[in-house]
């Protein structure tokens, strides 16, 4: 289960990515970011859906 802190960190990271690269990160890049933050935690399908939802919400 993703914590509130991780979801906020992901949102911030996506916004920074967009500022620097003028495009959205891929879902795979977002998953890698979360796995890096969680240091080896195996993401469930539910976690990946949450990550995808955050990406869609932060995208233009």
C-alpha atoms as a PDB file:
ATOM      1  CA  UNK A   1       0.000   0.000   0.000  1.00  0.00           C
ATOM      2  CA  UNK A   2       1.346   3.400  -0.956  1.00  0.00           C
ATOM      3  CA  UNK A   3       1.629   5.927   1.835  1.00  0.00           C
ATOM      4  CA  UNK A   4       0.376   9.478   1.575  1.00  0.00           C
ATOM      5  CA  UNK A   5       3.969  10.714   1.661  1.00  0.00           C
ATOM      6  CA  UNK A   6       4.938   8.566  -1.336  1.00  0.00           C
ATOM      7  CA  UNK A   7       1.923   9.737  -3.342  1.00  0.00           C
ATOM      8  CA  UNK A   8       2.763  13.383  -2.589  1.00  0.00           C
ATOM      9  CA  UNK A   9       6.415  12.753  -3.503  1.00  0.00           C
ATOM     10  CA  UNK A  10       5.320  11.185  -6.782  1.00  0.00           C
ATOM     11  CA  UNK A  11       3.052  14.137  -7.583  1.00  0.00           C
ATOM     12  CA  UNK A  12       5.880  16.583  -6.894  1.00  0.00           C
ATOM     13  CA  UNK A  13       8.293  14.513  -8.966  1.00  0.00           C
ATOM     14  CA  UNK A  14       5.880  14.427 -11.942  1.00  0.00           C
ATOM     15  CA  UNK A  15       5.407  18.215 -11.790  1.00  0.00           C
ATOM     16  CA  UNK A  16       9.182  18.769 -11.685  1.00  0.00           C
ATOM     17  CA  UNK A  17       9.664  16.329 -14.578  1.00  0.00           C
ATOM     18  CA  UNK A  18       7.132  18.281 -16.638  1.00  0.00           C
ATOM     19  CA  UNK A  19       8.805  21.625 -15.853  1.00  0.00           C
ATOM     20  CA  UNK A  20      12.196  20.342 -16.933  1.00  0.00           C
ATOM     21  CA  UNK A  21      11.272  18.185 -19.921  1.00  0.00           C
ATOM     22  CA  UNK A  22       8.009  19.764 -21.128  1.00  0.00           C
ATOM     23  CA  UNK A  23       6.365  16.342 -21.353  1.00  0.00           C
ATOM     24  CA  UNK A  24       4.903  13.742 -19.030  1.00  0.00           C
ATOM     25  CA  UNK A  25       6.950  10.860 -17.672  1.00  0.00           C
ATOM     26  CA  UNK A  26       5.873   7.395 -18.727  1.00  0.00           C
ATOM     27  CA  UNK A  27       4.050   5.091 -16.350  1.00  0.00           C
ATOM     28  CA  UNK A  28       7.196   2.931 -16.226  1.00  0.00           C
ATOM     29  CA  UNK A  29       9.292   5.907 -15.131  1.00  0.00           C
ATOM     30  CA  UNK A  30       6.757   6.669 -12.397  1.00  0.00           C
ATOM     31  CA  UNK A  31       6.801   3.049 -11.218  1.00  0.00           C
ATOM     32  CA  UNK A  32      10.625   3.105 -11.105  1.00  0.00           C
ATOM     33  CA  UNK A  33      10.532   6.309  -9.054  1.00  0.00           C
ATOM     34  CA  UNK A  34       8.158   4.769  -6.500  1.00  0.00           C
ATOM     35  CA  UNK A  35      10.160   1.530  -6.319  1.00  0.00           C
ATOM     36  CA  UNK A  36      13.306   3.590  -5.739  1.00  0.00           C
ATOM     37  CA  UNK A  37      11.590   5.583  -2.962  1.00  0.00           C
ATOM     38  CA  UNK A  38      10.345   2.380  -1.324  1.00  0.00           C
ATOM     39  CA  UNK A  39      13.722   0.615  -1.653  1.00  0.00           C
ATOM     40  CA  UNK A  40      12.732  -2.742  -3.075  1.00  0.00           C
ATOM     41  CA  UNK A  41       9.061  -2.950  -2.105  1.00  0.00           C
ATOM     42  CA  UNK A  42       7.168  -5.100  -4.620  1.00  0.00           C
ATOM     43  CA  UNK A  43       4.314  -3.000  -6.013  1.00  0.00           C
ATOM     44  CA  UNK A  44       0.906  -4.622  -6.290  1.00  0.00           C
ATOM     45  CA  UNK A  45      -1.461  -4.122  -9.225  1.00  0.00           C
ATOM     46  CA  UNK A  46      -3.479  -1.804  -7.001  1.00  0.00           C
ATOM     47  CA  UNK A  47      -0.361   0.299  -6.304  1.00  0.00           C
ATOM     48  CA  UNK A  48       0.314   0.558 -10.037  1.00  0.00           C
ATOM     49  CA  UNK A  49      -3.262   1.715 -10.675  1.00  0.00           C
ATOM     50  CA  UNK A  50      -2.825   4.417  -8.027  1.00  0.00           C
ATOM     51  CA  UNK A  51       0.433   5.514  -9.673  1.00  0.00           C
ATOM     52  CA  UNK A  52      -1.303   5.658 -13.051  1.00  0.00           C
ATOM     53  CA  UNK A  53      -4.145   7.715 -11.548  1.00  0.00           C
ATOM     54  CA  UNK A  54      -1.688  10.203 -10.074  1.00  0.00           C
ATOM     55  CA  UNK A  55       0.079  10.482 -13.427  1.00  0.00           C
ATOM     56  CA  UNK A  56      -3.214  11.125 -15.206  1.00  0.00           C
ATOM     57  CA  UNK A  57      -4.248  13.697 -12.597  1.00  0.00           C
ATOM     58  CA  UNK A  58      -0.938  15.577 -12.864  1.00  0.00           C
ATOM     59  CA  UNK A  59      -0.889  15.472 -16.682  1.00  0.00           C
ATOM     60  CA  UNK A  60      -2.236  18.221 -18.863  1.00  0.00           C
END
